[in-house]
Every structure is written in structure tokens, then in C-alpha cells.
N, C-alpha and C. Protein backbone atom coordinates (compact mmCIF):
# COMPACT_ATOMS: atom_id res chain seq x y z
N MET A 1 43.10 69.68 91.84
CA MET A 1 44.48 69.19 91.91
C MET A 1 45.47 70.28 91.47
N MET A 2 45.20 70.92 90.31
CA MET A 2 46.09 71.96 89.82
C MET A 2 46.10 73.16 90.74
N ALA A 3 44.93 73.46 91.34
CA ALA A 3 44.87 74.58 92.27
C ALA A 3 45.73 74.32 93.49
N ALA A 4 45.66 73.08 94.01
CA ALA A 4 46.47 72.72 95.17
C ALA A 4 47.95 72.77 94.83
N LEU A 5 48.31 72.28 93.64
CA LEU A 5 49.71 72.30 93.22
C LEU A 5 50.21 73.73 93.08
N ALA A 6 49.39 74.58 92.50
CA ALA A 6 49.77 75.98 92.33
C ALA A 6 49.92 76.68 93.67
N SER A 7 49.01 76.38 94.61
CA SER A 7 49.10 76.98 95.94
C SER A 7 50.39 76.55 96.63
N GLY A 8 50.68 75.26 96.59
CA GLY A 8 51.90 74.76 97.20
C GLY A 8 53.14 75.38 96.57
N PHE A 9 53.12 75.50 95.24
CA PHE A 9 54.24 76.11 94.52
C PHE A 9 54.45 77.55 95.00
N GLY A 10 53.36 78.28 95.13
CA GLY A 10 53.46 79.66 95.59
C GLY A 10 54.00 79.76 97.00
N PHE A 11 53.51 78.90 97.90
CA PHE A 11 54.00 78.90 99.27
C PHE A 11 55.49 78.56 99.31
N GLY A 12 55.89 77.56 98.53
CA GLY A 12 57.30 77.18 98.49
C GLY A 12 58.18 78.32 98.01
N MET A 13 57.74 79.01 96.97
CA MET A 13 58.51 80.14 96.44
C MET A 13 58.61 81.26 97.46
N LEU A 14 57.48 81.58 98.12
CA LEU A 14 57.47 82.68 99.07
C LEU A 14 58.36 82.39 100.28
N VAL A 15 58.30 81.18 100.79
CA VAL A 15 59.12 80.83 101.95
C VAL A 15 60.60 80.82 101.57
N ALA A 16 60.91 80.26 100.41
CA ALA A 16 62.31 80.21 99.96
C ALA A 16 62.86 81.60 99.67
N ALA A 17 61.98 82.53 99.30
CA ALA A 17 62.42 83.88 98.95
C ALA A 17 62.86 84.68 100.16
N GLN A 18 62.55 84.22 101.36
CA GLN A 18 62.99 84.91 102.56
C GLN A 18 64.48 84.67 102.75
N VAL A 19 65.24 85.75 102.90
CA VAL A 19 66.69 85.63 103.04
C VAL A 19 67.02 84.83 104.30
N GLY A 20 67.86 83.81 104.12
CA GLY A 20 68.23 82.94 105.24
C GLY A 20 69.57 82.28 104.98
N PRO A 21 69.95 81.33 105.83
CA PRO A 21 71.24 80.66 105.70
C PRO A 21 71.46 80.01 104.34
N ILE A 22 70.41 79.40 103.78
CA ILE A 22 70.57 78.73 102.49
C ILE A 22 70.88 79.74 101.38
N TRP A 23 70.30 80.91 101.47
CA TRP A 23 70.64 81.97 100.51
C TRP A 23 72.15 82.21 100.51
N LEU A 24 72.70 82.39 101.71
CA LEU A 24 74.12 82.71 101.82
C LEU A 24 74.99 81.57 101.31
N LEU A 25 74.62 80.36 101.69
CA LEU A 25 75.38 79.20 101.22
C LEU A 25 75.27 79.05 99.70
N CYS A 26 74.10 79.34 99.18
CA CYS A 26 73.88 79.22 97.74
C CYS A 26 74.75 80.23 96.98
N VAL A 27 74.79 81.46 97.45
CA VAL A 27 75.60 82.48 96.80
C VAL A 27 77.07 82.08 96.80
N ARG A 28 77.58 81.67 97.95
CA ARG A 28 78.99 81.26 98.04
C ARG A 28 79.25 80.04 97.16
N GLY A 29 78.37 79.08 97.23
CA GLY A 29 78.57 77.85 96.48
C GLY A 29 78.60 78.08 94.98
N VAL A 30 77.66 78.89 94.49
CA VAL A 30 77.58 79.15 93.05
C VAL A 30 78.80 79.94 92.58
N LEU A 31 79.24 80.91 93.37
CA LEU A 31 80.40 81.71 92.97
C LEU A 31 81.66 80.87 92.83
N HIS A 32 81.76 79.82 93.64
CA HIS A 32 82.97 79.00 93.62
C HIS A 32 82.82 77.71 92.83
N GLY A 33 81.61 77.18 92.76
CA GLY A 33 81.45 75.87 92.14
C GLY A 33 80.48 75.80 90.98
N GLY A 34 79.80 76.91 90.70
CA GLY A 34 78.88 76.92 89.58
C GLY A 34 77.44 76.62 89.96
N VAL A 35 76.58 76.64 88.95
CA VAL A 35 75.14 76.49 89.16
C VAL A 35 74.79 75.15 89.79
N ALA A 36 75.53 74.10 89.46
CA ALA A 36 75.22 72.77 89.99
C ALA A 36 75.24 72.75 91.51
N ILE A 37 76.14 73.53 92.11
CA ILE A 37 76.21 73.60 93.57
C ILE A 37 74.94 74.22 94.12
N GLY A 38 74.49 75.30 93.49
CA GLY A 38 73.26 75.94 93.94
C GLY A 38 72.05 75.05 93.80
N LEU A 39 71.99 74.29 92.71
CA LEU A 39 70.87 73.37 92.50
C LEU A 39 70.87 72.27 93.56
N ALA A 40 72.06 71.77 93.90
CA ALA A 40 72.15 70.73 94.93
C ALA A 40 71.71 71.26 96.28
N LEU A 41 72.14 72.47 96.61
CA LEU A 41 71.70 73.10 97.86
C LEU A 41 70.19 73.29 97.85
N GLY A 42 69.66 73.77 96.73
CA GLY A 42 68.23 73.99 96.62
C GLY A 42 67.43 72.71 96.74
N LEU A 43 67.95 71.62 96.18
CA LEU A 43 67.25 70.34 96.30
C LEU A 43 67.20 69.88 97.75
N GLY A 44 68.32 70.03 98.46
CA GLY A 44 68.33 69.68 99.88
C GLY A 44 67.34 70.51 100.67
N ALA A 45 67.31 71.82 100.38
CA ALA A 45 66.37 72.70 101.07
C ALA A 45 64.94 72.33 100.76
N ALA A 46 64.66 71.99 99.50
CA ALA A 46 63.30 71.65 99.09
C ALA A 46 62.81 70.39 99.80
N LEU A 47 63.66 69.39 99.92
CA LEU A 47 63.26 68.15 100.59
C LEU A 47 62.93 68.39 102.06
N VAL A 48 63.75 69.22 102.72
CA VAL A 48 63.48 69.51 104.13
C VAL A 48 62.21 70.34 104.28
N ASP A 49 62.00 71.29 103.38
CA ASP A 49 60.77 72.08 103.43
C ASP A 49 59.53 71.19 103.30
N VAL A 50 59.59 70.23 102.38
CA VAL A 50 58.47 69.30 102.20
C VAL A 50 58.27 68.48 103.47
N ALA A 51 59.37 68.00 104.04
CA ALA A 51 59.28 67.19 105.26
C ALA A 51 58.70 68.00 106.41
N TYR A 52 59.18 69.23 106.57
CA TYR A 52 58.68 70.07 107.66
C TYR A 52 57.23 70.47 107.44
N ALA A 53 56.88 70.73 106.18
CA ALA A 53 55.48 71.05 105.89
C ALA A 53 54.58 69.86 106.21
N ALA A 54 55.05 68.65 105.88
CA ALA A 54 54.28 67.44 106.18
C ALA A 54 54.12 67.26 107.68
N LEU A 55 55.20 67.52 108.42
CA LEU A 55 55.12 67.41 109.88
C LEU A 55 54.17 68.45 110.46
N GLY A 56 54.16 69.63 109.85
CA GLY A 56 53.23 70.65 110.30
C GLY A 56 51.80 70.23 110.09
N VAL A 57 51.52 69.63 108.93
CA VAL A 57 50.17 69.13 108.64
C VAL A 57 49.80 68.01 109.60
N ALA A 58 50.79 67.19 109.96
CA ALA A 58 50.54 66.03 110.82
C ALA A 58 50.33 66.41 112.28
N GLY A 59 50.54 67.67 112.62
CA GLY A 59 50.30 68.11 113.99
C GLY A 59 51.51 68.11 114.89
N VAL A 60 52.69 67.91 114.33
CA VAL A 60 53.90 67.91 115.14
C VAL A 60 54.17 69.29 115.73
N ALA A 61 53.61 70.32 115.12
CA ALA A 61 53.83 71.68 115.60
C ALA A 61 53.42 71.84 117.06
N THR A 62 52.39 71.11 117.48
CA THR A 62 51.95 71.23 118.87
C THR A 62 53.02 70.73 119.84
N ILE A 63 53.79 69.72 119.40
CA ILE A 63 54.87 69.21 120.26
C ILE A 63 55.96 70.26 120.41
N LEU A 64 56.26 70.97 119.33
CA LEU A 64 57.32 71.98 119.38
C LEU A 64 56.94 73.19 120.21
N GLN A 65 55.67 73.30 120.57
CA GLN A 65 55.25 74.40 121.43
C GLN A 65 55.56 74.13 122.89
N ILE A 66 55.96 72.90 123.21
CA ILE A 66 56.40 72.57 124.56
C ILE A 66 57.79 73.17 124.77
N ASP A 67 57.98 73.91 125.85
CA ASP A 67 59.21 74.66 126.05
C ASP A 67 60.46 73.80 125.94
N GLY A 68 60.48 72.69 126.65
CA GLY A 68 61.67 71.84 126.65
C GLY A 68 62.02 71.31 125.28
N VAL A 69 61.01 70.87 124.55
CA VAL A 69 61.23 70.33 123.20
C VAL A 69 61.72 71.43 122.27
N ARG A 70 61.11 72.59 122.37
CA ARG A 70 61.50 73.71 121.50
C ARG A 70 62.96 74.11 121.74
N VAL A 71 63.35 74.14 123.01
CA VAL A 71 64.73 74.53 123.34
C VAL A 71 65.73 73.52 122.82
N VAL A 72 65.43 72.23 122.98
CA VAL A 72 66.36 71.19 122.53
C VAL A 72 66.55 71.25 121.01
N PHE A 73 65.45 71.28 120.27
CA PHE A 73 65.55 71.31 118.82
C PHE A 73 66.18 72.62 118.34
N GLY A 74 65.83 73.70 119.01
CA GLY A 74 66.41 74.98 118.64
C GLY A 74 67.91 75.02 118.89
N ALA A 75 68.35 74.44 120.01
CA ALA A 75 69.77 74.41 120.32
C ALA A 75 70.55 73.61 119.28
N LEU A 76 69.96 72.52 118.81
CA LEU A 76 70.60 71.74 117.75
C LEU A 76 70.74 72.58 116.48
N GLY A 77 69.71 73.33 116.18
CA GLY A 77 69.76 74.19 115.00
C GLY A 77 70.83 75.26 115.12
N VAL A 78 70.94 75.86 116.30
CA VAL A 78 71.97 76.87 116.53
C VAL A 78 73.36 76.27 116.35
N ALA A 79 73.54 75.06 116.88
CA ALA A 79 74.84 74.39 116.76
C ALA A 79 75.22 74.15 115.30
N VAL A 80 74.24 73.73 114.50
CA VAL A 80 74.51 73.48 113.08
C VAL A 80 74.91 74.77 112.37
N LEU A 81 74.19 75.86 112.64
CA LEU A 81 74.50 77.13 111.98
C LEU A 81 75.85 77.68 112.42
N VAL A 82 76.17 77.53 113.70
CA VAL A 82 77.48 77.98 114.18
C VAL A 82 78.59 77.18 113.50
N PHE A 83 78.40 75.87 113.41
CA PHE A 83 79.40 75.02 112.75
C PHE A 83 79.61 75.44 111.29
N LEU A 84 78.50 75.61 110.56
CA LEU A 84 78.61 76.01 109.16
C LEU A 84 79.22 77.40 109.02
N GLY A 85 78.84 78.30 109.92
CA GLY A 85 79.36 79.66 109.86
C GLY A 85 80.85 79.73 110.12
N LEU A 86 81.31 79.02 111.16
CA LEU A 86 82.74 79.03 111.49
C LEU A 86 83.56 78.37 110.39
N ARG A 87 83.04 77.29 109.84
CA ARG A 87 83.76 76.61 108.77
C ARG A 87 83.84 77.49 107.53
N ALA A 88 82.74 78.19 107.24
CA ALA A 88 82.74 79.09 106.09
C ALA A 88 83.68 80.27 106.31
N LEU A 89 83.72 80.80 107.55
CA LEU A 89 84.60 81.92 107.85
C LEU A 89 86.06 81.51 107.74
N ARG A 90 86.37 80.34 108.24
CA ARG A 90 87.74 79.83 108.13
C ARG A 90 88.15 79.70 106.66
N SER A 91 87.23 79.20 105.87
CA SER A 91 87.49 79.05 104.44
C SER A 91 87.69 80.40 103.77
N ALA A 92 86.85 81.37 104.15
CA ALA A 92 86.90 82.69 103.51
C ALA A 92 88.17 83.45 103.83
N LEU A 93 88.78 83.17 104.98
CA LEU A 93 89.96 83.91 105.42
C LEU A 93 91.27 83.25 105.02
N ARG A 94 91.21 82.21 104.22
CA ARG A 94 92.44 81.59 103.75
C ARG A 94 93.24 82.56 102.89
N ASP A 95 94.52 82.25 102.73
CA ASP A 95 95.46 83.21 102.15
C ASP A 95 95.17 83.59 100.71
N THR A 96 94.89 82.62 99.86
CA THR A 96 94.75 82.92 98.44
C THR A 96 93.36 82.57 97.95
N PRO A 97 92.86 83.27 96.93
CA PRO A 97 91.53 82.96 96.39
C PRO A 97 91.42 81.52 95.93
N GLU A 98 92.55 80.95 95.43
CA GLU A 98 92.50 79.57 94.95
C GLU A 98 92.21 78.59 96.07
N GLU A 99 92.63 78.97 97.28
CA GLU A 99 92.43 78.08 98.42
C GLU A 99 91.06 78.26 99.05
N THR A 100 90.36 79.31 98.64
CA THR A 100 89.07 79.60 99.25
C THR A 100 88.03 78.60 98.78
N ALA A 101 87.73 77.63 99.61
CA ALA A 101 86.72 76.62 99.27
C ALA A 101 85.35 77.19 99.56
N THR A 102 84.36 76.34 99.52
CA THR A 102 82.99 76.82 99.70
C THR A 102 82.40 76.39 101.03
N GLY A 103 83.23 76.13 102.01
CA GLY A 103 82.71 75.87 103.35
C GLY A 103 81.75 74.71 103.40
N GLY A 104 82.11 73.56 102.82
CA GLY A 104 81.23 72.41 102.90
C GLY A 104 80.36 72.22 101.68
N VAL A 105 80.49 73.11 100.66
CA VAL A 105 79.69 72.96 99.46
C VAL A 105 80.59 72.92 98.23
N SER A 106 81.74 72.22 98.34
CA SER A 106 82.73 72.18 97.27
C SER A 106 82.41 71.12 96.22
N GLY A 107 81.36 70.34 96.40
CA GLY A 107 80.94 69.34 95.44
C GLY A 107 79.44 69.21 95.50
N VAL A 108 78.87 68.53 94.51
CA VAL A 108 77.42 68.42 94.45
C VAL A 108 76.87 67.67 95.65
N ARG A 109 77.47 66.52 95.98
CA ARG A 109 76.96 65.76 97.12
C ARG A 109 77.12 66.52 98.44
N PRO A 110 78.32 67.10 98.74
CA PRO A 110 78.43 67.90 99.96
C PRO A 110 77.45 69.07 99.98
N ALA A 111 77.22 69.67 98.80
CA ALA A 111 76.27 70.78 98.74
C ALA A 111 74.86 70.32 99.09
N PHE A 112 74.46 69.17 98.58
CA PHE A 112 73.14 68.62 98.89
C PHE A 112 73.00 68.36 100.38
N LEU A 113 74.02 67.74 100.97
CA LEU A 113 73.97 67.44 102.40
C LEU A 113 73.98 68.72 103.23
N THR A 114 74.72 69.72 102.78
CA THR A 114 74.73 71.00 103.49
C THR A 114 73.37 71.68 103.40
N GLY A 115 72.73 71.57 102.23
CA GLY A 115 71.39 72.12 102.09
C GLY A 115 70.41 71.47 103.04
N LEU A 116 70.51 70.15 103.18
CA LEU A 116 69.67 69.44 104.13
C LEU A 116 69.92 69.94 105.55
N ALA A 117 71.20 70.00 105.95
CA ALA A 117 71.55 70.35 107.32
C ALA A 117 71.17 71.79 107.66
N ALA A 118 71.48 72.71 106.75
CA ALA A 118 71.23 74.12 107.03
C ALA A 118 69.73 74.42 107.10
N THR A 119 68.95 73.79 106.25
CA THR A 119 67.50 73.99 106.29
C THR A 119 66.88 73.32 107.50
N ALA A 120 67.38 72.13 107.82
CA ALA A 120 66.87 71.42 108.99
C ALA A 120 67.30 72.07 110.29
N ALA A 121 68.26 73.01 110.20
CA ALA A 121 68.79 73.66 111.40
C ALA A 121 67.74 74.48 112.13
N ASN A 122 66.64 74.78 111.46
CA ASN A 122 65.58 75.54 112.12
C ASN A 122 64.27 74.76 112.10
N PRO A 123 64.16 73.76 112.98
CA PRO A 123 62.94 72.95 113.01
C PRO A 123 61.71 73.74 113.42
N LEU A 124 61.92 74.94 113.97
CA LEU A 124 60.78 75.76 114.37
C LEU A 124 59.98 76.23 113.16
N THR A 125 60.54 76.06 111.94
CA THR A 125 59.77 76.41 110.75
C THR A 125 58.57 75.48 110.57
N ILE A 126 58.58 74.35 111.27
CA ILE A 126 57.41 73.48 111.26
C ILE A 126 56.18 74.26 111.73
N LEU A 127 56.39 75.15 112.70
CA LEU A 127 55.29 75.97 113.20
C LEU A 127 54.74 76.87 112.09
N SER A 128 55.63 77.42 111.29
CA SER A 128 55.20 78.29 110.20
C SER A 128 54.40 77.52 109.16
N TRP A 129 54.89 76.34 108.81
CA TRP A 129 54.17 75.53 107.83
C TRP A 129 52.82 75.08 108.37
N ALA A 130 52.76 74.78 109.66
CA ALA A 130 51.48 74.39 110.26
C ALA A 130 50.49 75.54 110.14
N ALA A 131 50.96 76.77 110.38
CA ALA A 131 50.09 77.93 110.27
C ALA A 131 49.62 78.14 108.83
N VAL A 132 50.52 77.93 107.87
CA VAL A 132 50.16 78.07 106.46
C VAL A 132 49.05 77.11 106.07
N PHE A 133 49.23 75.83 106.43
CA PHE A 133 48.24 74.83 106.04
C PHE A 133 46.94 75.00 106.82
N ALA A 134 47.02 75.51 108.03
CA ALA A 134 45.80 75.79 108.79
C ALA A 134 45.00 76.89 108.10
N ALA A 135 45.72 77.91 107.60
CA ALA A 135 45.05 79.01 106.90
C ALA A 135 44.41 78.52 105.61
N VAL A 136 45.12 77.66 104.89
CA VAL A 136 44.58 77.10 103.64
C VAL A 136 43.31 76.31 103.92
N SER A 137 43.36 75.51 104.97
CA SER A 137 42.21 74.69 105.33
C SER A 137 41.03 75.55 105.75
N ALA A 138 41.32 76.59 106.55
CA ALA A 138 40.26 77.47 107.03
C ALA A 138 39.61 78.24 105.90
N ALA A 139 40.40 78.51 104.86
CA ALA A 139 39.88 79.26 103.71
C ALA A 139 39.08 78.38 102.77
N GLY A 140 39.05 77.08 103.08
CA GLY A 140 38.30 76.17 102.24
C GLY A 140 39.04 75.73 101.00
N SER A 141 40.39 75.98 100.98
CA SER A 141 41.19 75.61 99.81
C SER A 141 41.77 74.22 99.94
N ASP A 142 41.48 73.53 101.04
CA ASP A 142 42.08 72.23 101.28
C ASP A 142 40.99 71.20 101.44
N ASP A 143 41.26 69.98 101.03
CA ASP A 143 40.38 68.87 101.31
C ASP A 143 41.23 67.68 101.65
N THR A 144 40.60 66.56 101.93
CA THR A 144 41.33 65.41 102.45
C THR A 144 42.36 64.88 101.47
N GLY A 145 42.20 65.15 100.18
CA GLY A 145 43.13 64.60 99.22
C GLY A 145 44.14 65.58 98.67
N SER A 146 44.04 66.86 99.05
CA SER A 146 44.89 67.87 98.42
C SER A 146 46.21 68.10 99.13
N SER A 147 46.34 67.69 100.39
CA SER A 147 47.57 67.95 101.14
C SER A 147 48.81 67.38 100.46
N PRO A 148 48.79 66.13 99.98
CA PRO A 148 49.99 65.61 99.28
C PRO A 148 50.35 66.45 98.06
N ILE A 149 49.35 66.93 97.33
CA ILE A 149 49.62 67.75 96.15
C ILE A 149 50.21 69.08 96.56
N LEU A 150 49.70 69.65 97.65
CA LEU A 150 50.27 70.89 98.18
C LEU A 150 51.73 70.70 98.55
N LEU A 151 52.05 69.57 99.16
CA LEU A 151 53.42 69.30 99.57
C LEU A 151 54.35 69.19 98.36
N VAL A 152 53.87 68.55 97.31
CA VAL A 152 54.66 68.47 96.08
C VAL A 152 54.91 69.87 95.53
N GLY A 153 53.88 70.69 95.56
CA GLY A 153 54.03 72.07 95.09
C GLY A 153 55.03 72.85 95.91
N VAL A 154 55.03 72.63 97.22
CA VAL A 154 56.00 73.29 98.10
C VAL A 154 57.43 72.94 97.68
N GLY A 155 57.67 71.65 97.47
CA GLY A 155 59.01 71.22 97.07
C GLY A 155 59.44 71.80 95.74
N VAL A 156 58.54 71.77 94.76
CA VAL A 156 58.86 72.30 93.44
C VAL A 156 59.10 73.81 93.51
N GLY A 157 58.27 74.50 94.28
CA GLY A 157 58.42 75.95 94.40
C GLY A 157 59.74 76.33 95.05
N THR A 158 60.10 75.62 96.12
CA THR A 158 61.37 75.90 96.80
C THR A 158 62.55 75.67 95.86
N PHE A 159 62.53 74.53 95.17
CA PHE A 159 63.64 74.21 94.27
C PHE A 159 63.74 75.23 93.14
N CYS A 160 62.62 75.62 92.58
CA CYS A 160 62.63 76.58 91.47
C CYS A 160 63.20 77.93 91.91
N TRP A 161 62.87 78.33 93.13
CA TRP A 161 63.41 79.61 93.61
C TRP A 161 64.94 79.56 93.67
N PHE A 162 65.48 78.48 94.23
CA PHE A 162 66.93 78.40 94.35
C PHE A 162 67.60 78.18 92.99
N ALA A 163 66.88 77.59 92.06
CA ALA A 163 67.40 77.48 90.69
C ALA A 163 67.53 78.87 90.07
N LEU A 164 66.51 79.70 90.26
CA LEU A 164 66.57 81.07 89.75
C LEU A 164 67.68 81.86 90.42
N LEU A 165 67.80 81.71 91.74
CA LEU A 165 68.86 82.41 92.47
C LEU A 165 70.24 81.98 91.98
N SER A 166 70.40 80.68 91.75
CA SER A 166 71.68 80.16 91.29
C SER A 166 72.05 80.73 89.92
N LEU A 167 71.08 80.77 89.03
CA LEU A 167 71.34 81.32 87.69
C LEU A 167 71.69 82.81 87.76
N LEU A 168 71.00 83.54 88.64
CA LEU A 168 71.27 84.96 88.79
C LEU A 168 72.67 85.20 89.33
N VAL A 169 73.03 84.46 90.38
CA VAL A 169 74.37 84.61 90.98
C VAL A 169 75.45 84.22 89.98
N ALA A 170 75.22 83.15 89.23
CA ALA A 170 76.21 82.72 88.24
C ALA A 170 76.42 83.79 87.18
N GLY A 171 75.33 84.44 86.77
CA GLY A 171 75.45 85.50 85.78
C GLY A 171 76.22 86.70 86.31
N LEU A 172 75.90 87.10 87.54
CA LEU A 172 76.59 88.25 88.14
C LEU A 172 78.03 87.91 88.50
N GLY A 173 78.28 86.64 88.82
CA GLY A 173 79.61 86.24 89.25
C GLY A 173 80.68 86.45 88.21
N ARG A 174 80.29 86.50 86.96
CA ARG A 174 81.26 86.72 85.88
C ARG A 174 81.93 88.08 85.97
N PHE A 175 81.26 89.01 86.66
CA PHE A 175 81.78 90.37 86.74
C PHE A 175 82.47 90.66 88.07
N LEU A 176 82.63 89.66 88.91
CA LEU A 176 83.22 89.85 90.24
C LEU A 176 84.67 89.41 90.25
N GLY A 177 85.53 90.28 90.79
CA GLY A 177 86.94 89.95 90.93
C GLY A 177 87.20 89.16 92.20
N PRO A 178 88.44 88.67 92.38
CA PRO A 178 88.80 87.86 93.56
C PRO A 178 88.54 88.57 94.89
N ARG A 179 88.84 89.86 94.96
CA ARG A 179 88.66 90.58 96.23
C ARG A 179 87.18 90.68 96.60
N LEU A 180 86.36 90.98 95.62
CA LEU A 180 84.93 91.09 95.90
C LEU A 180 84.35 89.73 96.27
N ARG A 181 84.82 88.69 95.61
CA ARG A 181 84.37 87.34 95.96
C ARG A 181 84.74 87.00 97.40
N ARG A 182 85.97 87.39 97.80
CA ARG A 182 86.40 87.13 99.17
C ARG A 182 85.53 87.90 100.16
N THR A 183 85.21 89.15 99.81
CA THR A 183 84.35 89.95 100.68
C THR A 183 82.98 89.29 100.84
N ILE A 184 82.43 88.80 99.74
CA ILE A 184 81.14 88.11 99.80
C ILE A 184 81.25 86.86 100.67
N ASP A 185 82.37 86.15 100.57
CA ASP A 185 82.59 84.97 101.40
C ASP A 185 82.52 85.32 102.88
N VAL A 186 83.24 86.38 103.25
CA VAL A 186 83.29 86.78 104.66
C VAL A 186 81.91 87.23 105.14
N VAL A 187 81.24 88.04 104.33
CA VAL A 187 79.90 88.53 104.70
C VAL A 187 78.94 87.36 104.87
N ALA A 188 78.99 86.39 103.96
CA ALA A 188 78.10 85.24 104.05
C ALA A 188 78.39 84.42 105.30
N ALA A 189 79.67 84.23 105.62
CA ALA A 189 80.04 83.46 106.81
C ALA A 189 79.55 84.15 108.08
N VAL A 190 79.77 85.46 108.15
CA VAL A 190 79.30 86.22 109.31
C VAL A 190 77.77 86.18 109.37
N GLY A 191 77.14 86.23 108.21
CA GLY A 191 75.68 86.14 108.17
C GLY A 191 75.16 84.85 108.75
N LEU A 192 75.83 83.74 108.46
CA LEU A 192 75.42 82.46 109.04
C LEU A 192 75.49 82.50 110.56
N LEU A 193 76.56 83.10 111.08
CA LEU A 193 76.70 83.21 112.54
C LEU A 193 75.62 84.12 113.12
N LEU A 194 75.27 85.18 112.40
CA LEU A 194 74.20 86.07 112.87
C LEU A 194 72.86 85.36 112.88
N PHE A 195 72.61 84.52 111.88
CA PHE A 195 71.37 83.75 111.87
C PHE A 195 71.33 82.80 113.07
N ALA A 196 72.48 82.27 113.46
CA ALA A 196 72.54 81.41 114.65
C ALA A 196 72.16 82.20 115.90
N VAL A 197 72.65 83.43 115.98
CA VAL A 197 72.32 84.29 117.12
C VAL A 197 70.82 84.60 117.14
N VAL A 198 70.26 84.91 115.97
CA VAL A 198 68.83 85.21 115.88
C VAL A 198 68.00 84.01 116.30
N LEU A 199 68.39 82.83 115.83
CA LEU A 199 67.65 81.62 116.20
C LEU A 199 67.72 81.38 117.70
N ALA A 200 68.91 81.59 118.29
CA ALA A 200 69.06 81.41 119.74
C ALA A 200 68.17 82.40 120.49
N TRP A 201 68.11 83.64 120.00
CA TRP A 201 67.27 84.64 120.65
C TRP A 201 65.79 84.26 120.57
N ARG A 202 65.38 83.74 119.41
CA ARG A 202 63.98 83.33 119.25
C ARG A 202 63.62 82.19 120.19
N ILE A 203 64.57 81.30 120.41
CA ILE A 203 64.31 80.17 121.30
C ILE A 203 64.13 80.63 122.73
N LEU A 204 64.99 81.57 123.15
CA LEU A 204 64.98 82.01 124.54
C LEU A 204 63.94 83.08 124.82
N ALA A 205 63.45 83.73 123.77
CA ALA A 205 62.48 84.82 123.96
C ALA A 205 61.15 84.28 124.47
């Protein structure tokens, strides 16, 4: 049981450590709203990671390998990232730092919902989780009762990573002036749009 939990925790940490849309949203959110915003985003991301990992274990990944299904789900993901990116860019380009909101993460509840949406924006990650659990099973590290424990570990690992990121950003944020914060806002917003382009390219490739 502990081995399965530790494995899931490690997988969750490793996947969350990959720079992606949630990273950018977390950085912006923490700089403007504090650690609580980052934790809410991380919780949303963790829940979606657990759900996608469960779907991968359940065999849904095979459905996503069908071209039509993959394109539809991928297009929805691109639309979500474009929406979040444009909204964040609009927020970042407002006239005064005081008016610069966090692009949909200005409160704990909006941050949680944004974390859900941004993480769910790439349903193709189900394929990655399916591959992870297939490798675990092939290595003999999985049995019929360990998958739920692995999933719990995934969620805890993902959340812990974003908690660490939030604390780090909050600490560094004390030394950032308004201009640098605005620059980070713009870079993060453009980054979200670039992730949308990358996702679209992956779908069509």
C-alpha cells in the first residue's frame, strides 16, 4: 500500500513539474492574490490529474486514439487555452497595476475552477497516464487493489508540487516591482496562447 502511494506521489510530482498552462496561471495568481490562489489552482489541477489517470487506467485512452475523437477533444482544449490566454492578456495590458487582475483567478473559487478548466484543457494527457500505469503494471508494481492507492498518490503529489511552487513564487514576489509583475503577466498570457498553438499542432500532426 505504501509503495503504491509513494509511486503515485512521485508520478504526480513529476507530471506537475512539467512547465504548462497551470504553472503560468499559478505564478500570476500567487503574485496578485497570494498563496491561497496557487493552492486553489493546484487543487483543481490535482483533481483533474486523478480523474484523467483513472480514465487512463479504465482504458479510455484507446478511444482517444480514434482520429475524430482526438480532434474534437483537442479542439475543445485549444479553445479553453485561447480563452484563458486572451483574458489574461487583456488583464495584463490594463492601464494601472492596481487594475491588473489575475485573468480568472482573482478569488479562491475562481482559481479552483480555472485550475480545473486549464488542466482539463488537454484531455490527451489521458494517453500519458495510461502509458504510466501500463509501465507500472508491466514492471510488476501494480496489482488489482493498488490502482486506487496510486491515484490518491497522484493527486497528493500534484497538489504538493503546486503548493511548493506557490510558496516559492510568494517568497520571490516580495522583491518584484510593478513593472516586473506586469512583464510576468504579459509573458504568462502569451505563454498560454503558445500552449494552445502547441496543443493544436499536436492534434493535427
